[in-house]
């Protein structure tokens, strides 16, 4: 036979007051557990928000630096293109001075196309005007080179000198 159990031994809460105390303790433990989980997470969220704000500031600074670098790159590419055109003008003049009009004519097509592109890309008004003066000589130079006319030597030397003036003023 099983031992008999008193009804009072089975009851967890013998009085309504003990039930209230246990309920309050359980509630306090529940709230304490919530706070123990919430406070570190809240602290991490606050730290991450501060880091995010700092990174956004850095991103803005880097974006400005990138824009400045892109402007510098654009200017340097333009300067490089003008230097290449100047060198081509010098080489054309040299080839013509050596009576190699065919080689000078081959260079002239790319040269004048490059001058046309440079006019569209240049912001400096004086440089644009000098380049346009050079481009205006395209037909005369092309014809003279095709005819192997020695007069073109002086014109190519003038174009080269014009380029030196253009790059010196830019």
N, C-alpha and C. Protein backbone atom coordinates (compact mmCIF):
# COMPACT_ATOMS: atom_id res chain seq x y z
N UNK A 1 0.83 -1.15 0.00
CA UNK A 1 0.00 0.00 0.00
C UNK A 1 0.88 1.23 0.00
N UNK A 2 0.46 2.23 -0.74
CA UNK A 2 1.23 3.44 -0.89
C UNK A 2 1.04 4.30 0.35
N UNK A 3 2.15 4.96 0.69
CA UNK A 3 1.99 5.81 1.87
C UNK A 3 1.00 6.93 1.56
N UNK A 4 0.33 7.34 2.52
CA UNK A 4 -0.68 8.37 2.31
C UNK A 4 -0.01 9.75 2.40
N UNK A 5 -0.47 10.62 1.54
CA UNK A 5 0.09 11.96 1.46
C UNK A 5 -0.97 12.94 1.91
N UNK A 6 -0.54 13.80 2.79
CA UNK A 6 -1.45 14.81 3.30
C UNK A 6 -1.70 15.85 2.21
N UNK A 7 -2.92 16.36 2.18
CA UNK A 7 -3.26 17.33 1.15
C UNK A 7 -2.42 18.58 1.29
N UNK A 8 -2.05 18.99 2.45
CA UNK A 8 -1.26 20.19 2.67
C UNK A 8 0.17 20.02 2.19
N UNK A 9 0.67 18.82 2.19
CA UNK A 9 2.02 18.58 1.70
C UNK A 9 2.10 18.74 0.18
N UNK A 10 1.00 18.48 -0.51
CA UNK A 10 0.97 18.56 -1.96
C UNK A 10 0.84 20.02 -2.40
N UNK A 11 0.17 20.82 -1.65
CA UNK A 11 -0.03 22.20 -2.03
C UNK A 11 1.29 22.95 -1.99
N UNK A 12 1.58 23.60 -3.03
CA UNK A 12 2.81 24.38 -3.10
C UNK A 12 2.66 25.66 -2.29
N UNK A 13 1.52 26.24 -2.40
CA UNK A 13 1.26 27.48 -1.69
C UNK A 13 0.21 27.21 -0.63
N UNK A 14 0.62 27.35 0.56
CA UNK A 14 -0.29 27.03 1.65
C UNK A 14 -1.17 28.22 1.99
N UNK A 15 -0.72 29.42 1.65
CA UNK A 15 -1.53 30.61 1.93
C UNK A 15 -1.52 31.50 0.70
N UNK A 16 -2.47 32.37 0.57
CA UNK A 16 -2.48 33.29 -0.55
C UNK A 16 -1.27 34.23 -0.52
N UNK A 17 -0.76 34.52 0.67
CA UNK A 17 0.41 35.37 0.79
C UNK A 17 1.65 34.69 0.22
N UNK A 18 1.81 33.42 0.42
CA UNK A 18 2.97 32.70 -0.12
C UNK A 18 2.88 32.66 -1.65
N UNK A 19 1.65 32.55 -2.17
CA UNK A 19 1.47 32.58 -3.62
C UNK A 19 1.90 33.95 -4.17
N UNK A 20 1.55 35.02 -3.52
CA UNK A 20 1.89 36.37 -3.95
C UNK A 20 3.40 36.56 -3.90
N UNK A 21 4.04 36.07 -2.85
CA UNK A 21 5.49 36.22 -2.72
C UNK A 21 6.21 35.46 -3.83
N UNK A 22 5.79 34.25 -4.06
CA UNK A 22 6.41 33.45 -5.11
C UNK A 22 6.16 34.10 -6.48
N UNK A 23 4.98 34.60 -6.70
CA UNK A 23 4.65 35.27 -7.96
C UNK A 23 5.51 36.52 -8.14
N UNK A 24 5.67 37.30 -7.09
CA UNK A 24 6.52 38.49 -7.16
C UNK A 24 7.97 38.11 -7.43
N UNK A 25 8.45 37.08 -6.74
CA UNK A 25 9.82 36.63 -6.97
C UNK A 25 10.01 36.13 -8.41
N UNK A 26 9.06 35.39 -8.92
CA UNK A 26 9.15 34.89 -10.29
C UNK A 26 9.12 36.07 -11.28
N UNK A 27 8.25 37.04 -10.99
CA UNK A 27 8.18 38.22 -11.85
C UNK A 27 9.48 39.03 -11.80
N UNK A 28 10.03 39.16 -10.59
CA UNK A 28 11.29 39.89 -10.44
C UNK A 28 12.41 39.16 -11.18
N UNK A 29 12.45 37.83 -11.08
CA UNK A 29 13.45 37.06 -11.80
C UNK A 29 13.27 37.21 -13.31
N UNK A 30 12.03 37.22 -13.74
CA UNK A 30 11.74 37.38 -15.17
C UNK A 30 12.20 38.76 -15.65
N UNK A 31 11.86 39.81 -14.91
CA UNK A 31 12.27 41.17 -15.28
C UNK A 31 13.79 41.29 -15.20
N UNK A 32 14.40 40.71 -14.16
CA UNK A 32 15.86 40.75 -14.02
C UNK A 32 16.53 40.02 -15.17
N UNK A 33 16.00 38.91 -15.59
CA UNK A 33 16.56 38.17 -16.73
C UNK A 33 16.43 38.97 -18.01
N UNK A 34 15.27 39.62 -18.17
CA UNK A 34 15.09 40.47 -19.34
C UNK A 34 16.11 41.60 -19.35
N UNK A 35 16.29 42.26 -18.21
CA UNK A 35 17.25 43.36 -18.14
C UNK A 35 18.68 42.87 -18.37
N UNK A 36 19.01 41.70 -17.85
CA UNK A 36 20.34 41.14 -18.07
C UNK A 36 20.59 40.87 -19.56
N UNK A 37 19.57 40.53 -20.28
CA UNK A 37 19.72 40.33 -21.72
C UNK A 37 19.62 41.62 -22.51
N UNK A 38 18.80 42.56 -22.01
CA UNK A 38 18.56 43.80 -22.75
C UNK A 38 19.70 44.79 -22.64
N UNK A 39 20.21 45.00 -21.46
CA UNK A 39 21.21 46.04 -21.24
C UNK A 39 22.47 45.83 -22.07
N UNK A 40 23.08 44.65 -22.11
CA UNK A 40 24.27 44.49 -22.97
C UNK A 40 23.93 44.68 -24.45
N UNK A 41 22.77 44.19 -24.86
CA UNK A 41 22.37 44.35 -26.25
C UNK A 41 22.13 45.81 -26.57
N UNK A 42 21.48 46.52 -25.67
CA UNK A 42 21.24 47.95 -25.86
C UNK A 42 22.57 48.70 -25.94
N UNK A 43 23.51 48.33 -25.11
CA UNK A 43 24.83 48.95 -25.12
C UNK A 43 25.54 48.68 -26.46
N UNK A 44 25.43 47.46 -26.95
CA UNK A 44 26.04 47.14 -28.24
C UNK A 44 25.38 47.94 -29.37
N UNK A 45 24.06 48.06 -29.32
CA UNK A 45 23.34 48.82 -30.35
C UNK A 45 23.78 50.27 -30.33
N UNK A 46 23.92 50.84 -29.14
CA UNK A 46 24.37 52.22 -29.02
C UNK A 46 25.78 52.38 -29.58
N UNK A 47 26.67 51.45 -29.25
CA UNK A 47 28.04 51.49 -29.78
C UNK A 47 28.05 51.38 -31.31
N UNK A 48 27.24 50.46 -31.83
CA UNK A 48 27.19 50.28 -33.28
C UNK A 48 26.61 51.50 -33.99
N UNK A 49 25.63 52.16 -33.37
CA UNK A 49 25.09 53.38 -33.97
C UNK A 49 26.15 54.48 -34.00
N UNK A 50 26.95 54.59 -32.94
CA UNK A 50 28.02 55.58 -32.91
C UNK A 50 29.07 55.26 -33.98
N UNK A 51 29.42 53.98 -34.11
CA UNK A 51 30.38 53.58 -35.15
C UNK A 51 29.82 53.88 -36.54
N UNK A 52 28.54 53.63 -36.72
CA UNK A 52 27.90 53.88 -38.01
C UNK A 52 27.96 55.37 -38.35
N UNK A 53 27.67 56.23 -37.37
CA UNK A 53 27.74 57.68 -37.61
C UNK A 53 29.16 58.10 -37.96
N UNK A 54 30.14 57.53 -37.27
CA UNK A 54 31.54 57.85 -37.55
C UNK A 54 31.92 57.39 -38.96
N UNK A 55 31.50 56.20 -39.32
CA UNK A 55 31.81 55.69 -40.66
C UNK A 55 31.14 56.53 -41.75
N UNK A 56 29.95 57.03 -41.48
CA UNK A 56 29.28 57.90 -42.46
C UNK A 56 30.06 59.20 -42.64
N UNK A 57 30.61 59.74 -41.55
CA UNK A 57 31.44 60.93 -41.66
C UNK A 57 32.69 60.64 -42.50
N UNK A 58 33.32 59.51 -42.22
CA UNK A 58 34.51 59.13 -42.99
C UNK A 58 34.15 58.93 -44.46
N UNK A 59 33.00 58.32 -44.70
CA UNK A 59 32.57 58.08 -46.07
C UNK A 59 32.40 59.41 -46.82
N UNK A 60 31.83 60.40 -46.14
CA UNK A 60 31.68 61.71 -46.75
C UNK A 60 33.02 62.34 -47.08
N UNK A 61 33.97 62.21 -46.14
CA UNK A 61 35.31 62.77 -46.37
C UNK A 61 35.99 62.04 -47.52
N UNK A 62 35.87 60.72 -47.56
CA UNK A 62 36.48 59.96 -48.64
C UNK A 62 35.82 60.27 -49.98
N UNK A 63 34.52 60.49 -49.96
CA UNK A 63 33.83 60.83 -51.21
C UNK A 63 34.34 62.15 -51.77
N UNK A 64 34.57 63.13 -50.89
CA UNK A 64 35.13 64.40 -51.34
C UNK A 64 36.54 64.21 -51.89
N UNK A 65 37.34 63.40 -51.20
CA UNK A 65 38.70 63.15 -51.67
C UNK A 65 38.68 62.44 -53.03
N UNK A 66 37.78 61.49 -53.17
CA UNK A 66 37.67 60.76 -54.44
C UNK A 66 37.29 61.73 -55.57
N UNK A 67 36.35 62.63 -55.29
CA UNK A 67 35.94 63.61 -56.31
C UNK A 67 37.12 64.50 -56.69
N UNK A 68 37.89 64.93 -55.70
CA UNK A 68 39.06 65.76 -55.99
C UNK A 68 40.09 64.98 -56.81
N UNK A 69 40.30 63.72 -56.45
CA UNK A 69 41.26 62.89 -57.19
C UNK A 69 40.78 62.65 -58.62
N UNK A 70 39.49 62.47 -58.79
CA UNK A 70 38.97 62.26 -60.14
C UNK A 70 39.16 63.52 -60.99
N UNK A 71 38.99 64.69 -60.38
CA UNK A 71 39.24 65.93 -61.11
C UNK A 71 40.71 66.03 -61.50
N UNK A 72 41.59 65.67 -60.57
CA UNK A 72 43.02 65.70 -60.85
C UNK A 72 43.37 64.73 -61.96
N UNK A 73 42.80 63.53 -61.90
CA UNK A 73 43.04 62.53 -62.95
C UNK A 73 42.57 63.06 -64.30
N UNK A 74 41.38 63.67 -64.31
CA UNK A 74 40.84 64.22 -65.57
C UNK A 74 41.79 65.28 -66.14
N UNK A 75 42.28 66.16 -65.27
CA UNK A 75 43.20 67.21 -65.71
C UNK A 75 44.50 66.59 -66.22
N UNK A 76 45.03 65.61 -65.50
CA UNK A 76 46.29 64.98 -65.92
C UNK A 76 46.12 64.21 -67.23
N UNK A 77 44.96 63.58 -67.41
CA UNK A 77 44.72 62.89 -68.67
C UNK A 77 44.68 63.88 -69.82
N UNK A 78 44.06 65.04 -69.58
CA UNK A 78 44.04 66.09 -70.60
C UNK A 78 45.44 66.60 -70.90
N UNK A 79 46.23 66.81 -69.84
CA UNK A 79 47.62 67.25 -70.04
C UNK A 79 48.43 66.22 -70.81
N UNK A 80 48.19 64.95 -70.49
CA UNK A 80 48.89 63.87 -71.19
C UNK A 80 48.50 63.84 -72.66
N UNK A 81 47.22 64.01 -72.92
CA UNK A 81 46.75 64.01 -74.32
C UNK A 81 47.39 65.16 -75.09
N UNK A 82 47.46 66.34 -74.46
CA UNK A 82 48.10 67.49 -75.12
C UNK A 82 49.59 67.24 -75.34
N UNK A 83 50.23 66.59 -74.37
CA UNK A 83 51.67 66.28 -74.52
C UNK A 83 51.87 65.29 -75.66
N UNK A 84 50.97 64.32 -75.78
CA UNK A 84 51.08 63.35 -76.88
C UNK A 84 50.89 64.06 -78.23
N UNK A 85 49.93 64.98 -78.27
CA UNK A 85 49.71 65.73 -79.51
C UNK A 85 50.91 66.60 -79.85
N UNK A 86 51.48 67.24 -78.83
CA UNK A 86 52.68 68.07 -79.04
C UNK A 86 53.82 67.21 -79.60
N UNK A 87 54.00 66.01 -79.00
CA UNK A 87 55.06 65.12 -79.48
C UNK A 87 54.80 64.66 -80.91
N UNK A 88 53.55 64.40 -81.23
CA UNK A 88 53.20 63.99 -82.59
C UNK A 88 53.46 65.13 -83.58
N UNK A 89 53.13 66.36 -83.16
CA UNK A 89 53.42 67.52 -84.02
C UNK A 89 54.92 67.64 -84.26
N UNK A 90 55.69 67.45 -83.21
CA UNK A 90 57.15 67.50 -83.37
C UNK A 90 57.66 66.41 -84.28
N UNK A 91 57.12 65.21 -84.16
CA UNK A 91 57.55 64.10 -85.00
C UNK A 91 57.13 64.32 -86.46
N UNK A 92 55.93 64.87 -86.65
CA UNK A 92 55.51 65.19 -88.02
C UNK A 92 56.47 66.21 -88.64
N UNK A 93 56.80 67.23 -87.88
CA UNK A 93 57.71 68.25 -88.38
C UNK A 93 59.07 67.64 -88.69
N UNK A 94 59.54 66.78 -87.83
CA UNK A 94 60.84 66.13 -88.04
C UNK A 94 60.81 65.27 -89.31
N UNK A 95 59.74 64.45 -89.45
CA UNK A 95 59.65 63.58 -90.64
C UNK A 95 59.61 64.41 -91.91
N UNK A 96 58.85 65.50 -91.89
CA UNK A 96 58.78 66.35 -93.08
C UNK A 96 60.13 67.00 -93.35
N UNK A 97 60.84 67.40 -92.30
CA UNK A 97 62.16 68.02 -92.51
C UNK A 97 63.15 67.01 -93.10
N UNK A 98 62.91 65.73 -92.90
CA UNK A 98 63.74 64.68 -93.49
C UNK A 98 63.20 64.25 -94.86
N UNK A 99 62.25 65.02 -95.38
CA UNK A 99 61.60 64.74 -96.67
C UNK A 99 60.86 63.40 -96.68
N UNK A 100 60.42 62.96 -95.53
CA UNK A 100 59.63 61.74 -95.42
C UNK A 100 58.16 62.16 -95.27
N UNK A 101 57.60 62.67 -96.35
CA UNK A 101 56.26 63.23 -96.33
C UNK A 101 55.19 62.16 -96.11
N UNK A 102 55.44 60.94 -96.56
CA UNK A 102 54.48 59.85 -96.37
C UNK A 102 54.30 59.53 -94.89
N UNK A 103 55.42 59.44 -94.15
CA UNK A 103 55.34 59.16 -92.71
C UNK A 103 54.67 60.32 -91.98
N UNK A 104 54.97 61.54 -92.40
CA UNK A 104 54.34 62.71 -91.79
C UNK A 104 52.84 62.72 -92.07
N UNK A 105 52.45 62.33 -93.27
CA UNK A 105 51.03 62.27 -93.63
C UNK A 105 50.29 61.23 -92.80
N UNK A 106 50.94 60.06 -92.56
CA UNK A 106 50.32 59.03 -91.72
C UNK A 106 50.06 59.55 -90.31
N UNK A 107 50.99 60.32 -89.78
CA UNK A 107 50.84 60.87 -88.44
C UNK A 107 49.78 61.98 -88.40
N UNK A 108 49.61 62.69 -89.50
CA UNK A 108 48.74 63.87 -89.49
C UNK A 108 47.27 63.52 -89.24
N UNK A 109 46.81 62.40 -89.75
CA UNK A 109 45.40 62.04 -89.57
C UNK A 109 45.07 61.88 -88.09
N UNK A 110 45.84 61.07 -87.41
CA UNK A 110 45.62 60.89 -85.97
C UNK A 110 45.84 62.17 -85.19
N UNK A 111 46.82 62.94 -85.63
CA UNK A 111 47.12 64.19 -84.94
C UNK A 111 45.93 65.15 -84.99
N UNK A 112 45.42 65.40 -86.18
CA UNK A 112 44.32 66.36 -86.30
C UNK A 112 43.03 65.83 -85.66
N UNK A 113 42.81 64.51 -85.70
CA UNK A 113 41.67 63.94 -84.98
C UNK A 113 41.83 64.17 -83.48
N UNK A 114 43.03 63.99 -82.98
CA UNK A 114 43.31 64.23 -81.56
C UNK A 114 43.14 65.68 -81.18
N UNK A 115 43.54 66.60 -82.05
CA UNK A 115 43.35 68.03 -81.79
C UNK A 115 41.86 68.34 -81.69
N UNK A 116 41.08 67.76 -82.58
CA UNK A 116 39.63 67.97 -82.57
C UNK A 116 39.02 67.47 -81.25
N UNK A 117 39.44 66.30 -80.79
CA UNK A 117 38.96 65.77 -79.51
C UNK A 117 39.41 66.65 -78.35
N UNK A 118 40.63 67.15 -78.42
CA UNK A 118 41.16 67.99 -77.34
C UNK A 118 40.38 69.30 -77.24
N UNK A 119 39.97 69.84 -78.37
CA UNK A 119 39.19 71.09 -78.35
C UNK A 119 37.90 70.87 -77.57
N UNK A 120 37.27 69.73 -77.79
CA UNK A 120 36.01 69.43 -77.10
C UNK A 120 36.23 69.23 -75.59
N UNK A 121 37.40 68.75 -75.21
CA UNK A 121 37.65 68.41 -73.80
C UNK A 121 38.26 69.54 -72.99
N UNK A 122 38.88 70.52 -73.66
CA UNK A 122 39.61 71.57 -72.95
C UNK A 122 38.65 72.64 -72.43
N UNK A 123 38.92 73.11 -71.19
CA UNK A 123 38.10 74.16 -70.60
C UNK A 123 38.73 75.53 -70.77
N UNK A 124 40.03 75.58 -70.92
CA UNK A 124 40.77 76.83 -71.02
C UNK A 124 40.49 77.48 -72.38
N UNK A 125 39.93 78.70 -72.35
CA UNK A 125 39.55 79.39 -73.59
C UNK A 125 40.71 79.69 -74.51
N UNK A 126 41.83 80.16 -73.97
CA UNK A 126 43.00 80.49 -74.80
C UNK A 126 43.57 79.23 -75.44
N UNK A 127 43.60 78.14 -74.68
CA UNK A 127 44.12 76.88 -75.22
C UNK A 127 43.20 76.37 -76.31
N UNK A 128 41.90 76.48 -76.07
CA UNK A 128 40.92 76.03 -77.06
C UNK A 128 41.09 76.82 -78.36
N UNK A 129 41.32 78.14 -78.23
CA UNK A 129 41.52 78.99 -79.41
C UNK A 129 42.78 78.59 -80.17
N UNK A 130 43.89 78.34 -79.46
CA UNK A 130 45.14 77.92 -80.12
C UNK A 130 44.96 76.57 -80.82
N UNK A 131 44.25 75.66 -80.17
CA UNK A 131 44.01 74.35 -80.78
C UNK A 131 43.15 74.49 -82.04
N UNK A 132 42.17 75.38 -81.98
CA UNK A 132 41.31 75.59 -83.14
C UNK A 132 42.12 76.15 -84.31
N UNK A 133 43.07 77.05 -84.02
CA UNK A 133 43.95 77.60 -85.08
C UNK A 133 44.77 76.47 -85.72
N UNK A 134 45.23 75.56 -84.90
CA UNK A 134 45.99 74.41 -85.43
C UNK A 134 45.08 73.54 -86.29
N UNK A 135 43.86 73.26 -85.78
CA UNK A 135 42.93 72.41 -86.52
C UNK A 135 42.52 73.05 -87.84
N UNK A 136 42.43 74.37 -87.88
CA UNK A 136 42.04 75.06 -89.12
C UNK A 136 43.05 74.84 -90.24
N UNK A 137 44.25 74.41 -89.93
CA UNK A 137 45.28 74.17 -90.93
C UNK A 137 45.26 72.74 -91.47
N UNK A 138 44.32 71.95 -91.02
CA UNK A 138 44.26 70.53 -91.39
C UNK A 138 44.28 70.31 -92.90
N UNK A 139 43.38 70.94 -93.60
CA UNK A 139 43.28 70.70 -95.06
C UNK A 139 44.54 71.14 -95.80
N UNK A 140 45.06 72.29 -95.42
CA UNK A 140 46.27 72.81 -96.08
C UNK A 140 47.45 71.85 -95.84
N UNK A 141 47.61 71.40 -94.60
CA UNK A 141 48.73 70.51 -94.26
C UNK A 141 48.56 69.16 -94.94
N UNK A 142 47.36 68.62 -94.89
CA UNK A 142 47.11 67.31 -95.50
C UNK A 142 47.39 67.34 -97.01
N UNK A 143 46.93 68.40 -97.66
CA UNK A 143 47.17 68.53 -99.10
C UNK A 143 48.66 68.69 -99.40
N UNK A 144 49.33 69.52 -98.64
CA UNK A 144 50.76 69.76 -98.88
C UNK A 144 51.57 68.49 -98.62
N UNK A 145 51.20 67.72 -97.62
CA UNK A 145 51.91 66.45 -97.35
C UNK A 145 51.66 65.46 -98.48
N UNK A 146 50.43 65.41 -98.96
CA UNK A 146 50.10 64.48 -100.06
C UNK A 146 50.87 64.85 -101.33
N UNK A 147 51.13 66.13 -101.53
CA UNK A 147 51.87 66.59 -102.72
C UNK A 147 53.37 66.67 -102.47
N UNK A 148 53.80 66.33 -101.26
CA UNK A 148 55.22 66.40 -100.89
C UNK A 148 55.77 67.80 -101.12
N UNK A 149 54.96 68.78 -100.78
CA UNK A 149 55.34 70.19 -100.96
C UNK A 149 56.26 70.60 -99.81
N UNK A 150 57.47 71.05 -100.10
CA UNK A 150 58.41 71.41 -99.05
C UNK A 150 57.95 72.59 -98.19
N UNK A 151 56.99 73.38 -98.66
CA UNK A 151 56.47 74.51 -97.89
C UNK A 151 55.82 74.02 -96.58
N UNK A 152 55.34 72.76 -96.60
CA UNK A 152 54.67 72.21 -95.41
C UNK A 152 55.63 72.10 -94.22
N UNK A 153 56.93 72.05 -94.50
CA UNK A 153 57.91 71.95 -93.41
C UNK A 153 57.79 73.14 -92.46
N UNK A 154 57.69 74.33 -93.04
CA UNK A 154 57.57 75.54 -92.21
C UNK A 154 56.24 75.54 -91.45
N UNK A 155 55.17 75.11 -92.13
CA UNK A 155 53.86 75.10 -91.48
C UNK A 155 53.84 74.12 -90.31
N UNK A 156 54.44 72.94 -90.48
CA UNK A 156 54.51 71.96 -89.39
C UNK A 156 55.38 72.47 -88.24
N UNK A 157 56.43 73.18 -88.58
CA UNK A 157 57.27 73.78 -87.53
C UNK A 157 56.47 74.82 -86.76
N UNK A 158 55.63 75.60 -87.45
CA UNK A 158 54.77 76.58 -86.80
C UNK A 158 53.73 75.91 -85.90
N UNK A 159 53.18 74.79 -86.39
CA UNK A 159 52.19 74.05 -85.57
C UNK A 159 52.86 73.55 -84.30
N UNK A 160 54.06 73.01 -84.46
CA UNK A 160 54.78 72.52 -83.29
C UNK A 160 55.08 73.67 -82.32
N UNK A 161 55.51 74.79 -82.83
CA UNK A 161 55.79 75.96 -82.00
C UNK A 161 54.51 76.43 -81.33
N UNK A 162 53.40 76.38 -82.04
CA UNK A 162 52.10 76.75 -81.46
C UNK A 162 51.73 75.82 -80.32
N UNK A 163 52.07 74.58 -80.46
CA UNK A 163 51.80 73.62 -79.39
C UNK A 163 52.66 73.92 -78.17
N UNK A 164 53.89 74.29 -78.42
CA UNK A 164 54.75 74.64 -77.29
C UNK A 164 54.21 75.85 -76.55
N UNK A 165 53.70 76.84 -77.30
CA UNK A 165 53.09 78.00 -76.67
C UNK A 165 51.82 77.62 -75.92
N UNK A 166 51.02 76.75 -76.52
CA UNK A 166 49.78 76.31 -75.90
C UNK A 166 50.02 75.60 -74.60
N UNK A 167 50.98 74.65 -74.59
CA UNK A 167 51.24 73.91 -73.36
C UNK A 167 51.96 74.78 -72.34
N UNK A 168 52.67 75.80 -72.79
CA UNK A 168 53.33 76.70 -71.85
C UNK A 168 52.33 77.61 -71.16
N UNK A 169 51.21 77.94 -71.84
CA UNK A 169 50.23 78.84 -71.25
C UNK A 169 49.16 78.09 -70.48
N UNK A 170 49.11 76.73 -70.59
CA UNK A 170 48.04 75.98 -69.95
C UNK A 170 48.47 75.50 -68.65
